[in-house]
Amino acid sequence: MKKIKLVKSLIGRKDSHIATAQSLGLKKIGDIAEQPDNAATNGKIKEISYLIEVS
């Protein structure tokens, strides 16, 4: 499992990046979500890596 934290705002971002963050369960700055460590999750993380922290 990966812990993903949203550290930057979604305001003004591309619609696809906002949708990706929401699909990971991230809506507001400071939200933390646990996601399985698989190819689909890793692809989403790579797309919005500039908005999140992963641990």
Protein backbone atom coordinates (compact mmCIF):
# COMPACT_ATOMS: atom_id res chain seq x y z
CA MET A 1 0.00 0.00 0.00
CA LYS A 2 1.15 3.53 -0.81
CA LYS A 3 0.19 6.61 1.17
CA ILE A 4 -0.45 9.56 -1.11
CA LYS A 5 -0.86 13.13 0.18
CA LEU A 6 -2.10 16.09 -1.84
CA VAL A 7 0.28 19.00 -1.15
CA LYS A 8 -0.66 21.50 -3.89
CA SER A 9 -4.02 22.94 -4.91
CA LEU A 10 -6.08 21.54 -7.77
CA ILE A 11 -7.32 25.01 -8.72
CA GLY A 12 -6.31 25.94 -12.25
CA ARG A 13 -4.99 22.47 -13.12
CA LYS A 14 -5.90 20.48 -16.23
CA ASP A 15 -9.26 18.73 -15.97
CA SER A 16 -7.58 15.36 -16.47
CA HIS A 17 -5.21 15.99 -13.55
CA ILE A 18 -8.09 17.00 -11.28
CA ALA A 19 -9.95 13.83 -12.27
CA THR A 20 -6.85 11.72 -11.59
CA ALA A 21 -6.43 13.23 -8.11
CA GLN A 22 -10.10 12.62 -7.33
CA SER A 23 -9.85 9.02 -8.55
CA LEU A 24 -7.08 8.54 -5.98
CA GLY A 25 -9.39 9.94 -3.28
CA LEU A 26 -7.73 13.38 -3.02
CA LYS A 27 -9.95 16.46 -2.99
CA LYS A 28 -8.39 19.04 -0.68
CA ILE A 29 -4.83 19.99 0.26
CA GLY A 30 -3.69 17.73 3.09
CA ASP A 31 -5.90 14.79 2.11
CA ILE A 32 -4.19 11.43 2.49
CA ALA A 33 -5.25 8.26 0.68
CA GLU A 34 -3.92 4.70 0.77
CA GLN A 35 -3.82 2.99 -2.59
CA PRO A 36 -2.54 -0.44 -3.67
CA ASP A 37 0.91 -0.63 -5.21
CA ASN A 38 0.05 -1.64 -8.78
CA ALA A 39 0.59 -0.41 -12.34
CA ALA A 40 -2.64 1.60 -12.49
CA THR A 41 -1.89 3.49 -9.28
CA ASN A 42 1.73 4.10 -10.33
CA GLY A 43 0.54 5.61 -13.63
CA LYS A 44 -1.80 7.98 -11.81
CA ILE A 45 0.97 8.97 -9.40
CA LYS A 46 3.34 9.69 -12.30
CA GLU A 47 0.77 11.92 -14.03
CA ILE A 48 0.24 14.18 -11.00
CA SER A 49 3.61 13.76 -9.27
CA TYR A 50 4.04 17.56 -9.06
CA LEU A 51 0.91 17.82 -6.85
CA ILE A 52 1.52 14.99 -4.37
CA GLU A 53 3.91 13.34 -1.92
CA VAL A 54 4.16 9.56 -1.80
CA SER A 55 5.36 7.49 1.13
